[in-house]
Amino acid sequence: MAERAVPERVAAAERLASVMGFKKSCIPEVGRLLALASAAKPQGTIAESGTGSGVGTAWLHSGLGVGARLVTVERDEELARRAAGVFADDERVSVLTGDWRLLEQHAPFDVFFCDGGGKRDDPQGVVDQLAPGGLLILDDFTPSLHWPPRFEGAVDELRHFYLTHPDLDAAEVLTTPASSMVMAARRL
């Protein structure tokens, strides 16, 4: 099987991660789903919590429609500044520096990749920022063969929250044999 090309901005953000010693970038399996989600909302408002070096942002950008806009936030000032440079020539992209709650002023979101703040500390606040029909993407879970889902011998309350939330239609998606993500759509 031929290897699929990595978008140019993704490669640039991956180089930046290497230079900055940033080790928490999203994996290509998640990235391709981010591009797909972004492409599904060609006029949408796309958000990301946890820019890092911009790898996830670049995957979202690779599917970004001409009429869409992408806003991402990163707490680390240097990472945010450097990641912003990857998108400096595209006015559809805004890289904010600070707490994830800065995103609230840009909500509601048609796609929200919550990879940083909010996911664990304010899950209801994350759901509240979704537009009706909006897609929520949460990665970095460990697959569970049990219901309710378990992690390290206990019920994974966070994953259970998202998978059973009354305002979401949600599913867990295996991204590698050792990792999974939750994808959800806000009910209309």
C-alpha atoms as a PDB file:
ATOM      1  CA  MET A   1       0.000   0.000   0.000  1.00  0.00           C
ATOM      2  CA  ALA A   2       1.348   3.415  -0.963  1.00  0.00           C
ATOM      3  CA  GLU A   3       1.887   5.837   1.884  1.00  0.00           C
ATOM      4  CA  ARG A   4      -0.472   8.815   1.838  1.00  0.00           C
ATOM      5  CA  ALA A   5       1.104  12.223   1.587  1.00  0.00           C
ATOM      6  CA  VAL A   6       1.124  14.398   4.678  1.00  0.00           C
ATOM      7  CA  PRO A   7      -0.159  17.945   4.063  1.00  0.00           C
ATOM      8  CA  GLU A   8       2.605  20.544   3.893  1.00  0.00           C
ATOM      9  CA  ARG A   9       1.473  22.471   6.982  1.00  0.00           C
ATOM     10  CA  VAL A  10       1.255  19.233   8.972  1.00  0.00           C
ATOM     11  CA  ALA A  11       4.878  18.502   8.075  1.00  0.00           C
ATOM     12  CA  ALA A  12       5.843  22.066   9.071  1.00  0.00           C
ATOM     13  CA  ALA A  13       4.077  21.725  12.434  1.00  0.00           C
ATOM     14  CA  GLU A  14       5.718  18.334  13.005  1.00  0.00           C
ATOM     15  CA  ARG A  15       9.140  19.918  12.352  1.00  0.00           C
ATOM     16  CA  LEU A  16       8.272  22.663  14.825  1.00  0.00           C
ATOM     17  CA  ALA A  17       7.279  20.039  17.420  1.00  0.00           C
ATOM     18  CA  SER A  18      10.655  18.374  16.958  1.00  0.00           C
ATOM     19  CA  VAL A  19      12.547  21.667  17.328  1.00  0.00           C
ATOM     20  CA  MET A  20      10.510  22.642  20.410  1.00  0.00           C
ATOM     21  CA  GLY A  21      10.742  19.183  21.984  1.00  0.00           C
ATOM     22  CA  PHE A  22       6.938  18.952  21.996  1.00  0.00           C
ATOM     23  CA  LYS A  23       5.949  15.278  22.250  1.00  0.00           C
ATOM     24  CA  LYS A  24       2.133  15.410  22.466  1.00  0.00           C
ATOM     25  CA  SER A  25       1.121  16.090  18.845  1.00  0.00           C
ATOM     26  CA  CYS A  26      -1.857  14.265  17.430  1.00  0.00           C
ATOM     27  CA  ILE A  27      -1.114  11.088  15.518  1.00  0.00           C
ATOM     28  CA  PRO A  28      -1.804  10.802  11.760  1.00  0.00           C
ATOM     29  CA  GLU A  29      -4.738   8.445  12.368  1.00  0.00           C
ATOM     30  CA  VAL A  30      -6.472  11.166  14.381  1.00  0.00           C
ATOM     31  CA  GLY A  31      -5.257  13.872  12.014  1.00  0.00           C
ATOM     32  CA  ARG A  32      -6.950  12.318   8.997  1.00  0.00           C
ATOM     33  CA  LEU A  33     -10.236  12.209  10.923  1.00  0.00           C
ATOM     34  CA  LEU A  34      -9.755  15.882  11.856  1.00  0.00           C
ATOM     35  CA  ALA A  35      -9.341  16.768   8.185  1.00  0.00           C
ATOM     36  CA  LEU A  36     -12.493  14.819   7.353  1.00  0.00           C
ATOM     37  CA  ALA A  37     -14.509  16.530  10.106  1.00  0.00           C
ATOM     38  CA  SER A  38     -13.311  19.963   9.011  1.00  0.00           C
ATOM     39  CA  ALA A  39     -14.142  19.223   5.364  1.00  0.00           C
ATOM     40  CA  ALA A  40     -17.655  18.147   6.404  1.00  0.00           C
ATOM     41  CA  LYS A  41     -18.359  21.716   7.595  1.00  0.00           C
ATOM     42  CA  PRO A  42     -17.130  23.859   4.634  1.00  0.00           C
ATOM     43  CA  GLN A  43     -18.687  27.077   5.976  1.00  0.00           C
ATOM     44  CA  GLY A  44     -18.170  26.156   9.609  1.00  0.00           C
ATOM     45  CA  THR A  45     -16.512  27.541  12.668  1.00  0.00           C
ATOM     46  CA  ILE A  46     -13.828  25.049  13.673  1.00  0.00           C
ATOM     47  CA  ALA A  47     -12.128  25.122  17.089  1.00  0.00           C
ATOM     48  CA  GLU A  48      -9.270  23.412  18.843  1.00  0.00           C
ATOM     49  CA  SER A  49      -8.290  23.489  22.480  1.00  0.00           C
ATOM     50  CA  GLY A  50      -4.592  22.681  22.876  1.00  0.00           C
ATOM     51  CA  THR A  51      -2.725  23.925  19.799  1.00  0.00           C
ATOM     52  CA  GLY A  52       0.655  22.589  20.859  1.00  0.00           C
ATOM     53  CA  SER A  53       2.974  23.020  17.873  1.00  0.00           C
ATOM     54  CA  GLY A  54       0.010  23.119  15.491  1.00  0.00           C
ATOM     55  CA  VAL A  55      -0.070  19.536  14.175  1.00  0.00           C
ATOM     56  CA  GLY A  56      -3.774  19.023  14.938  1.00  0.00           C
ATOM     57  CA  THR A  57      -4.452  22.552  13.736  1.00  0.00           C
ATOM     58  CA  ALA A  58      -2.715  21.753  10.453  1.00  0.00           C
ATOM     59  CA  TRP A  59      -4.792  18.600   9.987  1.00  0.00           C
ATOM     60  CA  LEU A  60      -7.968  20.619  10.615  1.00  0.00           C
ATOM     61  CA  HIS A  61      -6.661  23.234   8.209  1.00  0.00           C
ATOM     62  CA  SER A  62      -6.096  20.625   5.500  1.00  0.00           C
ATOM     63  CA  GLY A  63      -9.871  20.102   5.289  1.00  0.00           C
ATOM     64  CA  LEU A  64     -10.843  23.746   5.900  1.00  0.00           C
ATOM     65  CA  GLY A  65     -13.391  25.125   3.444  1.00  0.00           C
ATOM     66  CA  VAL A  66     -12.966  28.500   1.773  1.00  0.00           C
ATOM     67  CA  GLY A  67     -15.816  29.926   3.870  1.00  0.00           C
ATOM     68  CA  ALA A  68     -14.752  28.333   7.151  1.00  0.00           C
ATOM     69  CA  ARG A  69     -12.702  29.730   9.987  1.00  0.00           C
ATOM     70  CA  LEU A  70     -10.451  27.970  12.473  1.00  0.00           C
ATOM     71  CA  VAL A  71      -9.630  29.209  15.963  1.00  0.00           C
ATOM     72  CA  THR A  72      -7.244  27.404  18.283  1.00  0.00           C
ATOM     73  CA  VAL A  73      -5.882  28.178  21.728  1.00  0.00           C
ATOM     74  CA  GLU A  74      -2.637  27.242  23.470  1.00  0.00           C
ATOM     75  CA  ARG A  75      -1.545  28.109  27.042  1.00  0.00           C
ATOM     76  CA  ASP A  76       2.194  28.042  26.318  1.00  0.00           C
ATOM     77  CA  GLU A  77       3.052  31.461  24.856  1.00  0.00           C
ATOM     78  CA  GLU A  78       6.106  30.318  22.904  1.00  0.00           C
ATOM     79  CA  LEU A  79       4.324  27.319  21.382  1.00  0.00           C
ATOM     80  CA  ALA A  80       1.347  29.497  20.441  1.00  0.00           C
ATOM     81  CA  ARG A  81       3.583  32.125  18.842  1.00  0.00           C
ATOM     82  CA  ARG A  82       5.546  29.557  16.853  1.00  0.00           C
ATOM     83  CA  ALA A  83       2.432  27.627  15.800  1.00  0.00           C
ATOM     84  CA  ALA A  84       0.810  30.878  14.647  1.00  0.00           C
ATOM     85  CA  GLY A  85       3.726  31.277  12.249  1.00  0.00           C
ATOM     86  CA  VAL A  86       2.714  28.067  10.447  1.00  0.00           C
ATOM     87  CA  PHE A  87      -0.622  29.731   9.549  1.00  0.00           C
ATOM     88  CA  ALA A  88       0.474  33.361   9.242  1.00  0.00           C
ATOM     89  CA  ASP A  89      -0.507  33.544   5.559  1.00  0.00           C
ATOM     90  CA  ASP A  90      -4.100  32.345   6.094  1.00  0.00           C
ATOM     91  CA  GLU A  91      -6.512  34.848   7.610  1.00  0.00           C
ATOM     92  CA  ARG A  92      -9.064  32.089   8.260  1.00  0.00           C
ATOM     93  CA  VAL A  93      -6.863  30.802  11.109  1.00  0.00           C
ATOM     94  CA  SER A  94      -6.506  32.457  14.530  1.00  0.00           C
ATOM     95  CA  VAL A  95      -4.099  31.163  17.168  1.00  0.00           C
ATOM     96  CA  LEU A  96      -4.944  32.465  20.622  1.00  0.00           C
ATOM     97  CA  THR A  97      -2.707  32.374  23.685  1.00  0.00           C
ATOM     98  CA  GLY A  98      -4.234  31.555  27.031  1.00  0.00           C
ATOM     99  CA  ASP A  99      -6.874  29.445  28.738  1.00  0.00           C
ATOM    100  CA  TRP A 100      -9.216  27.304  26.645  1.00  0.00           C
ATOM    101  CA  ARG A 101     -12.154  29.460  27.760  1.00  0.00           C
ATOM    102  CA  LEU A 102     -10.968  32.127  25.316  1.00  0.00           C
ATOM    103  CA  LEU A 103     -12.717  29.989  22.718  1.00  0.00           C
ATOM    104  CA  GLU A 104     -16.142  30.833  24.195  1.00  0.00           C
ATOM    105  CA  GLN A 105     -16.194  34.194  22.413  1.00  0.00           C
ATOM    106  CA  HIS A 106     -16.009  32.349  19.059  1.00  0.00           C
ATOM    107  CA  ALA A 107     -18.625  29.669  19.845  1.00  0.00           C
ATOM    108  CA  PRO A 108     -20.803  27.913  18.841  1.00  0.00           C
ATOM    109  CA  PHE A 109     -18.592  25.461  16.954  1.00  0.00           C
ATOM    110  CA  ASP A 110     -19.393  23.224  14.026  1.00  0.00           C
ATOM    111  CA  VAL A 111     -16.289  21.151  14.835  1.00  0.00           C
ATOM    112  CA  PHE A 112     -14.498  21.187  18.189  1.00  0.00           C
ATOM    113  CA  PHE A 113     -11.287  19.198  18.622  1.00  0.00           C
ATOM    114  CA  CYS A 114     -10.909  19.381  22.378  1.00  0.00           C
ATOM    115  CA  ASP A 115      -7.368  18.179  22.911  1.00  0.00           C
ATOM    116  CA  GLY A 116      -6.392  20.454  25.771  1.00  0.00           C
ATOM    117  CA  GLY A 117      -8.267  22.423  28.395  1.00  0.00           C
ATOM    118  CA  GLY A 118     -11.929  21.714  28.978  1.00  0.00           C
ATOM    119  CA  LYS A 119     -11.988  18.039  28.071  1.00  0.00           C
ATOM    120  CA  ARG A 120     -11.365  16.912  31.658  1.00  0.00           C
ATOM    121  CA  ASP A 121     -11.952  20.016  33.784  1.00  0.00           C
ATOM    122  CA  ASP A 122     -15.275  21.206  32.282  1.00  0.00           C
ATOM    123  CA  PRO A 123     -16.824  18.544  30.038  1.00  0.00           C
ATOM    124  CA  GLN A 124     -20.286  20.148  30.153  1.00  0.00           C
ATOM    125  CA  GLY A 125     -18.713  23.466  29.158  1.00  0.00           C
ATOM    126  CA  VAL A 126     -17.209  21.708  26.131  1.00  0.00           C
ATOM    127  CA  VAL A 127     -20.579  20.286  25.075  1.00  0.00           C
ATOM    128  CA  ASP A 128     -22.206  23.696  25.564  1.00  0.00           C
ATOM    129  CA  GLN A 129     -19.883  25.229  22.963  1.00  0.00           C
ATOM    130  CA  LEU A 130     -21.121  22.954  20.177  1.00  0.00           C
ATOM    131  CA  ALA A 131     -23.602  24.211  17.608  1.00  0.00           C
ATOM    132  CA  PRO A 132     -26.587  21.947  16.871  1.00  0.00           C
ATOM    133  CA  GLY A 133     -25.148  19.265  14.587  1.00  0.00           C
ATOM    134  CA  GLY A 134     -21.637  20.242  15.693  1.00  0.00           C
ATOM    135  CA  LEU A 135     -18.959  17.561  15.852  1.00  0.00           C
ATOM    136  CA  LEU A 136     -16.886  16.942  18.966  1.00  0.00           C
ATOM    137  CA  ILE A 137     -13.582  15.083  18.728  1.00  0.00           C
ATOM    138  CA  LEU A 138     -11.712  13.873  21.818  1.00  0.00           C
ATOM    139  CA  ASP A 139      -8.591  11.733  21.501  1.00  0.00           C
ATOM    140  CA  ASP A 140      -6.049  10.073  23.777  1.00  0.00           C
ATOM    141  CA  PHE A 141      -8.249   7.339  25.220  1.00  0.00           C
ATOM    142  CA  THR A 142      -7.208   3.743  25.845  1.00  0.00           C
ATOM    143  CA  PRO A 143      -9.626   1.241  24.268  1.00  0.00           C
ATOM    144  CA  SER A 144     -11.861  -0.657  26.659  1.00  0.00           C
ATOM    145  CA  LEU A 145     -13.614  -3.964  26.032  1.00  0.00           C
ATOM    146  CA  HIS A 146     -16.048  -3.310  28.887  1.00  0.00           C
ATOM    147  CA  TRP A 147     -19.217  -1.317  29.415  1.00  0.00           C
ATOM    148  CA  PRO A 148     -19.189   1.033  31.045  1.00  0.00           C
ATOM    149  CA  PRO A 149     -15.689   1.782  29.717  1.00  0.00           C
ATOM    150  CA  ARG A 150     -12.878   1.169  32.138  1.00  0.00           C
ATOM    151  CA  PHE A 151      -9.379   2.564  32.502  1.00  0.00           C
ATOM    152  CA  GLU A 152      -6.792   1.251  34.962  1.00  0.00           C
ATOM    153  CA  GLY A 153      -9.385  -0.984  36.633  1.00  0.00           C
ATOM    154  CA  ALA A 154     -12.034   1.667  37.284  1.00  0.00           C
ATOM    155  CA  VAL A 155     -14.944   3.098  35.330  1.00  0.00           C
ATOM    156  CA  ASP A 156     -13.663   5.824  33.002  1.00  0.00           C
ATOM    157  CA  GLU A 157     -16.112   8.493  34.134  1.00  0.00           C
ATOM    158  CA  LEU A 158     -14.907  11.049  31.600  1.00  0.00           C
ATOM    159  CA  ARG A 159     -15.366   8.789  28.600  1.00  0.00           C
ATOM    160  CA  HIS A 160     -18.684   7.556  30.033  1.00  0.00           C
ATOM    161  CA  PHE A 161     -19.849  11.200  30.349  1.00  0.00           C
ATOM    162  CA  TYR A 162     -19.300  11.921  26.670  1.00  0.00           C
ATOM    163  CA  LEU A 163     -20.555   8.567  25.378  1.00  0.00           C
ATOM    164  CA  THR A 164     -23.838   8.783  27.317  1.00  0.00           C
ATOM    165  CA  HIS A 165     -24.491  12.543  27.283  1.00  0.00           C
ATOM    166  CA  PRO A 166     -28.168  13.185  26.447  1.00  0.00           C
ATOM    167  CA  ASP A 167     -27.314  15.967  23.963  1.00  0.00           C
ATOM    168  CA  LEU A 168     -24.767  13.896  22.014  1.00  0.00           C
ATOM    169  CA  ASP A 169     -24.781  10.981  19.622  1.00  0.00           C
ATOM    170  CA  ALA A 170     -21.359   9.536  20.337  1.00  0.00           C
ATOM    171  CA  ALA A 171     -19.138   6.616  19.433  1.00  0.00           C
ATOM    172  CA  GLU A 172     -15.679   5.458  20.388  1.00  0.00           C
ATOM    173  CA  VAL A 173     -13.397   4.935  17.400  1.00  0.00           C
ATOM    174  CA  LEU A 174     -10.250   2.816  17.504  1.00  0.00           C
ATOM    175  CA  THR A 175      -7.365   4.837  16.025  1.00  0.00           C
ATOM    176  CA  THR A 176      -4.570   2.320  16.695  1.00  0.00           C
ATOM    177  CA  PRO A 177      -4.608  -0.992  18.571  1.00  0.00           C
ATOM    178  CA  ALA A 178      -3.639   0.940  21.719  1.00  0.00           C
ATOM    179  CA  SER A 179      -5.576   4.217  21.311  1.00  0.00           C
ATOM    180  CA  SER A 180      -9.076   5.438  20.673  1.00  0.00           C
ATOM    181  CA  MET A 181     -11.057   8.624  20.377  1.00  0.00           C
ATOM    182  CA  VAL A 182     -14.609   9.705  21.050  1.00  0.00           C
ATOM    183  CA  MET A 183     -16.473  11.348  18.198  1.00  0.00           C
ATOM    184  CA  ALA A 184     -19.848  12.908  18.866  1.00  0.00           C
ATOM    185  CA  ALA A 185     -22.460  15.082  17.180  1.00  0.00           C
ATOM    186  CA  ARG A 186     -24.669  17.470  19.106  1.00  0.00           C
ATOM    187  CA  ARG A 187     -28.297  16.562  18.617  1.00  0.00           C
ATOM    188  CA  LEU A 188     -30.421  19.042  16.718  1.00  0.00           C
END
